[in-house]
C-alpha cells in the first residue's frame, strides 16, 4: 500500500509540475512575442499584480510542499473506489468519466468558491488569490494552502471518487483541469482552446472579470450555476456596456 501511495503522490506531483511548466511556457512565449493579440482581452488597469517571483514561490509551495501533505490524504479517500491496478481503462470509459468529472467539479467549485467570498473566509483565505486583479496563467494557484485544498483538491478528486475511475483517468482528468484553470487566468481567449466552446461558458473572459471586478462568475468550466443563482448579473451588465 505504501509503495502504491508513493507512486500516486509522485506521479501526480510530476504531472502537476509538468503541466504548469508546459502551459506557463506557452503563455509566456505568446506574451513575449505579442502573438494572438486579437485574442488578448485584458486592458491596462490602475491595479498592480503581485511580484512574479512571489507568484512562482507560492505556486511551487502548493505543488511540492502542500501536495506532499494533501495527496496522501486524497489517496486514502480514492483507494476506497478508484482502481490503481489492472489494464489501461477503455476509451469509452474515459470519454464518459471525464465529462462527468467536469460536471461534478464545476458544481463543487461554484459553491466552495462562493463560500470563499463570504467576509470571514475571504479575509483570511481568498483575498490572497484576488491580489491578482489582472490574472496571468501562473496565478491560477496563487492561493492560501487551505484554499488550495478546498478548490483544487476536493472538487478535482470528488468525481473520480464517485465514479470509481481508473487512476490513469484521474491523471488525464488532472491535466484537463489544470489546462482549463490556467486558460481561465491567462488573459487570452484563444480560438483553439476547447473550453470556450463548452455550453454555458463564453470564454476565459468570465473568470478574468471575476478578478478585475471581484464579483460573481464563481464557476470554473461553466456559468450554469451563476445563471441559475443570479450571480452573473454584474457580468451581463458589463458585457452590454
C-alpha atoms as a PDB file:
ATOM      1  CA  UNK A   1       0.000   0.000   0.000  1.00  0.00           C
ATOM      2  CA  UNK A   2       2.827   2.415   0.862  1.00  0.00           C
ATOM      3  CA  UNK A   3       4.500   1.827  -2.500  1.00  0.00           C
ATOM      4  CA  UNK A   4       1.220   2.418  -4.332  1.00  0.00           C
ATOM      5  CA  UNK A   5       0.567   5.614  -2.378  1.00  0.00           C
ATOM      6  CA  UNK A   6       4.053   6.987  -3.092  1.00  0.00           C
ATOM      7  CA  UNK A   7       3.622   6.119  -6.769  1.00  0.00           C
ATOM      8  CA  UNK A   8       0.319   8.021  -6.864  1.00  0.00           C
ATOM      9  CA  UNK A   9       1.724  11.023  -4.986  1.00  0.00           C
ATOM     10  CA  UNK A  10       4.894  11.459  -7.039  1.00  0.00           C
ATOM     11  CA  UNK A  11       3.299  10.820 -10.428  1.00  0.00           C
ATOM     12  CA  UNK A  12       0.578  13.353  -9.529  1.00  0.00           C
ATOM     13  CA  UNK A  13       3.171  15.938  -8.473  1.00  0.00           C
ATOM     14  CA  UNK A  14       5.173  15.269 -11.635  1.00  0.00           C
ATOM     15  CA  UNK A  15       2.107  15.778 -13.830  1.00  0.00           C
ATOM     16  CA  UNK A  16       1.137  18.898 -11.910  1.00  0.00           C
ATOM     17  CA  UNK A  17       4.606  20.413 -12.286  1.00  0.00           C
ATOM     18  CA  UNK A  18       4.953  19.296 -15.904  1.00  0.00           C
ATOM     19  CA  UNK A  19       1.633  20.829 -16.973  1.00  0.00           C
ATOM     20  CA  UNK A  20       2.462  24.093 -15.197  1.00  0.00           C
ATOM     21  CA  UNK A  21       5.846  24.306 -16.936  1.00  0.00           C
ATOM     22  CA  UNK A  22       4.379  23.443 -20.344  1.00  0.00           C
ATOM     23  CA  UNK A  23       1.458  25.869 -20.196  1.00  0.00           C
ATOM     24  CA  UNK A  24       3.274  28.730 -18.499  1.00  0.00           C
ATOM     25  CA  UNK A  25       5.973  28.373 -21.163  1.00  0.00           C
ATOM     26  CA  UNK A  26       3.317  28.545 -23.875  1.00  0.00           C
ATOM     27  CA  UNK A  27       1.565  31.618 -22.457  1.00  0.00           C
ATOM     28  CA  UNK A  28       4.899  33.280 -21.692  1.00  0.00           C
ATOM     29  CA  UNK A  29       6.007  32.694 -25.283  1.00  0.00           C
ATOM     30  CA  UNK A  30       2.917  34.199 -26.891  1.00  0.00           C
ATOM     31  CA  UNK A  31       3.006  37.125 -24.457  1.00  0.00           C
ATOM     32  CA  UNK A  32       6.720  37.834 -25.039  1.00  0.00           C
ATOM     33  CA  UNK A  33       6.372  37.793 -28.818  1.00  0.00           C
ATOM     34  CA  UNK A  34       2.971  39.568 -28.786  1.00  0.00           C
ATOM     35  CA  UNK A  35       1.194  36.726 -30.552  1.00  0.00           C
ATOM     36  CA  UNK A  36      -2.621  36.364 -30.672  1.00  0.00           C
ATOM     37  CA  UNK A  37      -3.038  39.991 -29.613  1.00  0.00           C
ATOM     38  CA  UNK A  38      -6.534  39.992 -31.114  1.00  0.00           C
ATOM     39  CA  UNK A  39      -7.404  37.320 -28.521  1.00  0.00           C
ATOM     40  CA  UNK A  40      -5.965  39.260 -25.555  1.00  0.00           C
ATOM     41  CA  UNK A  41      -8.799  40.994 -23.748  1.00  0.00           C
ATOM     42  CA  UNK A  42      -7.127  42.475 -20.673  1.00  0.00           C
ATOM     43  CA  UNK A  43      -6.830  46.250 -20.593  1.00  0.00           C
ATOM     44  CA  UNK A  44      -4.340  48.233 -18.567  1.00  0.00           C
ATOM     45  CA  UNK A  45      -5.616  48.961 -15.079  1.00  0.00           C
ATOM     46  CA  UNK A  46      -4.519  51.060 -12.146  1.00  0.00           C
ATOM     47  CA  UNK A  47      -4.003  47.946 -10.036  1.00  0.00           C
ATOM     48  CA  UNK A  48      -0.670  46.173  -9.730  1.00  0.00           C
ATOM     49  CA  UNK A  49      -0.266  42.415  -9.519  1.00  0.00           C
ATOM     50  CA  UNK A  50       1.988  40.652  -7.019  1.00  0.00           C
ATOM     51  CA  UNK A  51       5.622  40.195  -7.986  1.00  0.00           C
ATOM     52  CA  UNK A  52       6.079  37.323 -10.458  1.00  0.00           C
ATOM     53  CA  UNK A  53       8.760  35.761  -8.226  1.00  0.00           C
ATOM     54  CA  UNK A  54       6.334  35.698  -5.296  1.00  0.00           C
ATOM     55  CA  UNK A  55       3.747  34.048  -7.541  1.00  0.00           C
ATOM     56  CA  UNK A  56       6.189  31.322  -8.578  1.00  0.00           C
ATOM     57  CA  UNK A  57       7.264  30.711  -4.957  1.00  0.00           C
ATOM     58  CA  UNK A  58       3.646  30.283  -3.792  1.00  0.00           C
ATOM     59  CA  UNK A  59       2.873  28.041  -6.762  1.00  0.00           C
ATOM     60  CA  UNK A  60       5.880  25.816  -6.084  1.00  0.00           C
ATOM     61  CA  UNK A  61       4.964  25.610  -2.395  1.00  0.00           C
ATOM     62  CA  UNK A  62       1.495  24.414  -3.375  1.00  0.00           C
ATOM     63  CA  UNK A  63       2.982  21.803  -5.710  1.00  0.00           C
ATOM     64  CA  UNK A  64       5.967  20.492  -3.785  1.00  0.00           C
ATOM     65  CA  UNK A  65       5.022  21.025  -0.131  1.00  0.00           C
ATOM     66  CA  UNK A  66       1.252  21.047   0.189  1.00  0.00           C
ATOM     67  CA  UNK A  67       0.753  18.363  -2.470  1.00  0.00           C
ATOM     68  CA  UNK A  68       3.056  16.148  -0.422  1.00  0.00           C
ATOM     69  CA  UNK A  69       0.764  16.695   2.558  1.00  0.00           C
ATOM     70  CA  UNK A  70      -2.596  16.604   0.803  1.00  0.00           C
ATOM     71  CA  UNK A  71      -2.134  13.869  -1.809  1.00  0.00           C
ATOM     72  CA  UNK A  72      -1.581  11.028   0.708  1.00  0.00           C
ATOM     73  CA  UNK A  73      -4.899  12.007   2.330  1.00  0.00           C
ATOM     74  CA  UNK A  74      -6.561  12.102  -1.085  1.00  0.00           C
ATOM     75  CA  UNK A  75      -5.053   8.704  -1.925  1.00  0.00           C
ATOM     76  CA  UNK A  76      -6.608   7.154   1.185  1.00  0.00           C
ATOM     77  CA  UNK A  77     -10.003   8.505   0.122  1.00  0.00           C
ATOM     78  CA  UNK A  78      -9.626   7.442  -3.516  1.00  0.00           C
ATOM     79  CA  UNK A  79      -8.418   3.987  -2.506  1.00  0.00           C
ATOM     80  CA  UNK A  80     -11.968   3.138  -1.435  1.00  0.00           C
ATOM     81  CA  UNK A  81     -13.240   3.213  -5.047  1.00  0.00           C
ATOM     82  CA  UNK A  82     -10.560   4.207  -7.579  1.00  0.00           C
ATOM     83  CA  UNK A  83      -8.735   1.406  -9.444  1.00  0.00           C
ATOM     84  CA  UNK A  84      -4.945   1.599  -9.075  1.00  0.00           C
ATOM     85  CA  UNK A  85      -4.036  -1.651 -10.839  1.00  0.00           C
ATOM     86  CA  UNK A  86      -5.040  -3.544 -13.950  1.00  0.00           C
ATOM     87  CA  UNK A  87      -5.094  -2.588 -17.629  1.00  0.00           C
ATOM     88  CA  UNK A  88      -5.494   0.893 -19.055  1.00  0.00           C
ATOM     89  CA  UNK A  89      -9.180   1.973 -18.938  1.00  0.00           C
ATOM     90  CA  UNK A  90     -11.087   1.776 -22.203  1.00  0.00           C
ATOM     91  CA  UNK A  91     -11.550   4.967 -24.219  1.00  0.00           C
ATOM     92  CA  UNK A  92     -15.366   4.778 -23.941  1.00  0.00           C
ATOM     93  CA  UNK A  93     -14.972   4.704 -20.165  1.00  0.00           C
ATOM     94  CA  UNK A  94     -12.586   7.679 -20.231  1.00  0.00           C
ATOM     95  CA  UNK A  95     -14.871   9.641 -22.550  1.00  0.00           C
ATOM     96  CA  UNK A  96     -17.781   9.125 -20.146  1.00  0.00           C
ATOM     97  CA  UNK A  97     -15.920   9.692 -16.886  1.00  0.00           C
ATOM     98  CA  UNK A  98     -14.117  12.936 -17.764  1.00  0.00           C
ATOM     99  CA  UNK A  99     -17.255  14.906 -18.783  1.00  0.00           C
ATOM    100  CA  UNK A 100     -18.948  13.672 -15.609  1.00  0.00           C
ATOM    101  CA  UNK A 101     -15.896  14.791 -13.600  1.00  0.00           C
ATOM    102  CA  UNK A 102     -16.238  18.213 -15.238  1.00  0.00           C
ATOM    103  CA  UNK A 103     -19.860  18.480 -14.087  1.00  0.00           C
ATOM    104  CA  UNK A 104     -19.069  17.366 -10.514  1.00  0.00           C
ATOM    105  CA  UNK A 105     -16.032  19.654 -10.307  1.00  0.00           C
ATOM    106  CA  UNK A 106     -17.874  22.700 -11.624  1.00  0.00           C
ATOM    107  CA  UNK A 107     -20.733  22.218  -9.161  1.00  0.00           C
ATOM    108  CA  UNK A 108     -18.471  21.823  -6.126  1.00  0.00           C
ATOM    109  CA  UNK A 109     -16.129  24.586  -7.257  1.00  0.00           C
ATOM    110  CA  UNK A 110     -19.000  27.042  -7.676  1.00  0.00           C
ATOM    111  CA  UNK A 111     -20.326  26.546  -4.149  1.00  0.00           C
ATOM    112  CA  UNK A 112     -16.906  26.388  -2.463  1.00  0.00           C
ATOM    113  CA  UNK A 113     -15.763  29.457  -4.385  1.00  0.00           C
ATOM    114  CA  UNK A 114     -18.922  31.328  -3.446  1.00  0.00           C
ATOM    115  CA  UNK A 115     -18.366  30.323   0.181  1.00  0.00           C
ATOM    116  CA  UNK A 116     -14.834  31.754  -0.022  1.00  0.00           C
ATOM    117  CA  UNK A 117     -16.376  35.136  -0.861  1.00  0.00           C
ATOM    118  CA  UNK A 118     -18.152  35.336   2.496  1.00  0.00           C
ATOM    119  CA  UNK A 119     -16.444  38.022   4.632  1.00  0.00           C
ATOM    120  CA  UNK A 120     -14.527  35.814   7.077  1.00  0.00           C
ATOM    121  CA  UNK A 121     -13.192  33.294   4.543  1.00  0.00           C
ATOM    122  CA  UNK A 122     -12.436  36.000   2.006  1.00  0.00           C
ATOM    123  CA  UNK A 123     -10.386  37.976   4.514  1.00  0.00           C
ATOM    124  CA  UNK A 124      -8.419  35.011   5.839  1.00  0.00           C
ATOM    125  CA  UNK A 125      -8.127  32.784   2.751  1.00  0.00           C
ATOM    126  CA  UNK A 126      -9.350  34.002  -0.630  1.00  0.00           C
ATOM    127  CA  UNK A 127      -8.129  37.614  -0.542  1.00  0.00           C
ATOM    128  CA  UNK A 128      -4.626  36.388  -1.344  1.00  0.00           C
ATOM    129  CA  UNK A 129      -5.745  34.991  -4.715  1.00  0.00           C
ATOM    130  CA  UNK A 130      -7.523  38.253  -5.568  1.00  0.00           C
ATOM    131  CA  UNK A 131      -4.309  40.254  -5.270  1.00  0.00           C
ATOM    132  CA  UNK A 132      -4.159  39.477  -8.999  1.00  0.00           C
ATOM    133  CA  UNK A 133      -6.622  41.998 -10.432  1.00  0.00           C
ATOM    134  CA  UNK A 134      -5.440  41.011 -13.899  1.00  0.00           C
ATOM    135  CA  UNK A 135      -4.583  37.320 -13.584  1.00  0.00           C
ATOM    136  CA  UNK A 136      -1.882  35.515 -15.510  1.00  0.00           C
ATOM    137  CA  UNK A 137      -1.701  31.802 -16.201  1.00  0.00           C
ATOM    138  CA  UNK A 138       0.721  31.198 -13.310  1.00  0.00           C
ATOM    139  CA  UNK A 139      -1.626  32.891 -10.834  1.00  0.00           C
ATOM    140  CA  UNK A 140      -4.117  30.013 -11.047  1.00  0.00           C
ATOM    141  CA  UNK A 141      -2.672  28.583  -7.827  1.00  0.00           C
ATOM    142  CA  UNK A 142      -1.554  31.762  -6.139  1.00  0.00           C
ATOM    143  CA  UNK A 143      -3.639  30.656  -3.174  1.00  0.00           C
ATOM    144  CA  UNK A 144      -3.575  30.059   0.547  1.00  0.00           C
ATOM    145  CA  UNK A 145      -2.807  26.339   1.180  1.00  0.00           C
ATOM    146  CA  UNK A 146      -6.199  25.756   2.826  1.00  0.00           C
ATOM    147  CA  UNK A 147      -7.966  27.325  -0.151  1.00  0.00           C
ATOM    148  CA  UNK A 148      -5.788  25.253  -2.452  1.00  0.00           C
ATOM    149  CA  UNK A 149      -7.096  22.076  -0.818  1.00  0.00           C
ATOM    150  CA  UNK A 150     -10.676  23.369  -0.890  1.00  0.00           C
ATOM    151  CA  UNK A 151     -10.744  24.465  -4.540  1.00  0.00           C
ATOM    152  CA  UNK A 152      -8.012  22.430  -6.242  1.00  0.00           C
ATOM    153  CA  UNK A 153      -8.303  19.259  -4.166  1.00  0.00           C
ATOM    154  CA  UNK A 154     -11.878  18.441  -3.183  1.00  0.00           C
ATOM    155  CA  UNK A 155     -13.659  19.372  -6.460  1.00  0.00           C
ATOM    156  CA  UNK A 156     -10.928  17.768  -8.576  1.00  0.00           C
ATOM    157  CA  UNK A 157     -10.983  14.344  -6.952  1.00  0.00           C
ATOM    158  CA  UNK A 158     -14.672  14.104  -5.992  1.00  0.00           C
ATOM    159  CA  UNK A 159     -15.700  12.989  -9.489  1.00  0.00           C
ATOM    160  CA  UNK A 160     -13.224  10.090  -9.785  1.00  0.00           C
ATOM    161  CA  UNK A 161     -14.152   9.007  -6.251  1.00  0.00           C
ATOM    162  CA  UNK A 162     -17.882   8.956  -7.019  1.00  0.00           C
ATOM    163  CA  UNK A 163     -17.375   7.214 -10.373  1.00  0.00           C
ATOM    164  CA  UNK A 164     -14.753   4.694  -9.269  1.00  0.00           C
ATOM    165  CA  UNK A 165     -12.445   5.803 -12.093  1.00  0.00           C
ATOM    166  CA  UNK A 166      -9.113   4.236 -13.004  1.00  0.00           C
ATOM    167  CA  UNK A 167      -6.062   6.146 -11.766  1.00  0.00           C
ATOM    168  CA  UNK A 168      -4.985   6.790 -15.371  1.00  0.00           C
ATOM    169  CA  UNK A 169      -8.328   8.510 -15.957  1.00  0.00           C
ATOM    170  CA  UNK A 170      -7.714  10.534 -12.790  1.00  0.00           C
ATOM    171  CA  UNK A 171      -4.358  11.727 -14.108  1.00  0.00           C
ATOM    172  CA  UNK A 172      -5.767  12.596 -17.510  1.00  0.00           C
ATOM    173  CA  UNK A 173      -8.575  14.498 -15.810  1.00  0.00           C
ATOM    174  CA  UNK A 174      -5.986  16.377 -13.700  1.00  0.00           C
ATOM    175  CA  UNK A 175      -4.302  17.565 -16.887  1.00  0.00           C
ATOM    176  CA  UNK A 176      -7.644  18.745 -18.305  1.00  0.00           C
ATOM    177  CA  UNK A 177      -8.463  20.709 -15.146  1.00  0.00           C
ATOM    178  CA  UNK A 178      -5.021  22.336 -14.878  1.00  0.00           C
ATOM    179  CA  UNK A 179      -5.232  23.376 -18.532  1.00  0.00           C
ATOM    180  CA  UNK A 180      -8.710  24.873 -18.042  1.00  0.00           C
ATOM    181  CA  UNK A 181      -7.681  26.748 -14.910  1.00  0.00           C
ATOM    182  CA  UNK A 182      -4.535  28.228 -16.435  1.00  0.00           C
ATOM    183  CA  UNK A 183      -6.523  29.159 -19.541  1.00  0.00           C
ATOM    184  CA  UNK A 184      -9.114  30.919 -17.397  1.00  0.00           C
ATOM    185  CA  UNK A 185      -6.393  33.012 -15.724  1.00  0.00           C
ATOM    186  CA  UNK A 186      -4.339  33.677 -18.877  1.00  0.00           C
ATOM    187  CA  UNK A 187      -5.958  36.879 -20.139  1.00  0.00           C
ATOM    188  CA  UNK A 188      -6.402  35.309 -23.581  1.00  0.00           C
ATOM    189  CA  UNK A 189      -9.492  33.938 -25.282  1.00  0.00           C
ATOM    190  CA  UNK A 190      -7.742  31.661 -27.782  1.00  0.00           C
ATOM    191  CA  UNK A 191      -9.904  30.194 -30.520  1.00  0.00           C
ATOM    192  CA  UNK A 192      -8.267  26.754 -30.301  1.00  0.00           C
ATOM    193  CA  UNK A 193      -8.884  26.252 -26.585  1.00  0.00           C
ATOM    194  CA  UNK A 194     -11.778  23.751 -26.389  1.00  0.00           C
ATOM    195  CA  UNK A 195     -13.190  25.208 -23.178  1.00  0.00           C
ATOM    196  CA  UNK A 196     -14.549  28.311 -24.918  1.00  0.00           C
ATOM    197  CA  UNK A 197     -16.908  26.034 -26.855  1.00  0.00           C
ATOM    198  CA  UNK A 198     -18.419  24.440 -23.757  1.00  0.00           C
ATOM    199  CA  UNK A 199     -22.109  25.231 -23.202  1.00  0.00           C
ATOM    200  CA  UNK A 200     -22.714  27.999 -20.656  1.00  0.00           C
ATOM    201  CA  UNK A 201     -19.102  29.198 -20.920  1.00  0.00           C
ATOM    202  CA  UNK A 202     -18.423  32.232 -23.120  1.00  0.00           C
ATOM    203  CA  UNK A 203     -14.634  32.021 -22.875  1.00  0.00           C
ATOM    204  CA  UNK A 204     -11.852  32.907 -20.425  1.00  0.00           C
ATOM    205  CA  UNK A 205     -13.144  36.459 -20.003  1.00  0.00           C
ATOM    206  CA  UNK A 206     -15.688  35.171 -17.495  1.00  0.00           C
ATOM    207  CA  UNK A 207     -13.102  34.427 -14.820  1.00  0.00           C
ATOM    208  CA  UNK A 208     -10.972  37.408 -15.779  1.00  0.00           C
ATOM    209  CA  UNK A 209     -13.978  39.627 -14.988  1.00  0.00           C
ATOM    210  CA  UNK A 210     -14.284  37.903 -11.605  1.00  0.00           C
ATOM    211  CA  UNK A 211     -10.730  39.021 -10.798  1.00  0.00           C
ATOM    212  CA  UNK A 212     -10.992  42.550 -12.170  1.00  0.00           C
ATOM    213  CA  UNK A 213     -14.362  43.312 -10.518  1.00  0.00           C
ATOM    214  CA  UNK A 214     -14.298  40.807  -7.642  1.00  0.00           C
ATOM    215  CA  UNK A 215     -17.938  39.843  -8.042  1.00  0.00           C
ATOM    216  CA  UNK A 216     -19.949  36.938  -9.462  1.00  0.00           C
ATOM    217  CA  UNK A 217     -18.823  34.338 -12.013  1.00  0.00           C
ATOM    218  CA  UNK A 218     -17.959  31.728  -9.390  1.00  0.00           C
ATOM    219  CA  UNK A 219     -17.984  28.672 -11.670  1.00  0.00           C
ATOM    220  CA  UNK A 220     -14.992  27.003 -13.307  1.00  0.00           C
ATOM    221  CA  UNK A 221     -15.952  25.242 -16.557  1.00  0.00           C
ATOM    222  CA  UNK A 222     -19.473  26.649 -16.930  1.00  0.00           C
ATOM    223  CA  UNK A 223     -21.618  29.615 -15.952  1.00  0.00           C
ATOM    224  CA  UNK A 224     -24.729  27.470 -15.428  1.00  0.00           C
ATOM    225  CA  UNK A 225     -24.782  27.821 -11.639  1.00  0.00           C
ATOM    226  CA  UNK A 226     -24.152  31.556 -11.971  1.00  0.00           C
ATOM    227  CA  UNK A 227     -27.145  31.816 -14.292  1.00  0.00           C
ATOM    228  CA  UNK A 228     -29.369  29.728 -12.016  1.00  0.00           C
ATOM    229  CA  UNK A 229     -28.360  31.630  -8.870  1.00  0.00           C
ATOM    230  CA  UNK A 230     -28.234  35.103 -10.416  1.00  0.00           C
ATOM    231  CA  UNK A 231     -24.530  35.657  -9.689  1.00  0.00           C
ATOM    232  CA  UNK A 232     -23.799  36.666 -13.276  1.00  0.00           C
ATOM    233  CA  UNK A 233     -25.934  39.851 -13.371  1.00  0.00           C
ATOM    234  CA  UNK A 234     -22.953  42.181 -12.985  1.00  0.00           C
ATOM    235  CA  UNK A 235     -21.048  40.430 -15.764  1.00  0.00           C
ATOM    236  CA  UNK A 236     -24.067  40.600 -18.094  1.00  0.00           C
ATOM    237  CA  UNK A 237     -24.390  44.327 -17.490  1.00  0.00           C
ATOM    238  CA  UNK A 238     -20.680  44.778 -18.114  1.00  0.00           C
ATOM    239  CA  UNK A 239     -20.892  42.890 -21.418  1.00  0.00           C
ATOM    240  CA  UNK A 240     -23.821  45.047 -22.571  1.00  0.00           C
ATOM    241  CA  UNK A 241     -21.838  48.206 -21.930  1.00  0.00           C
END
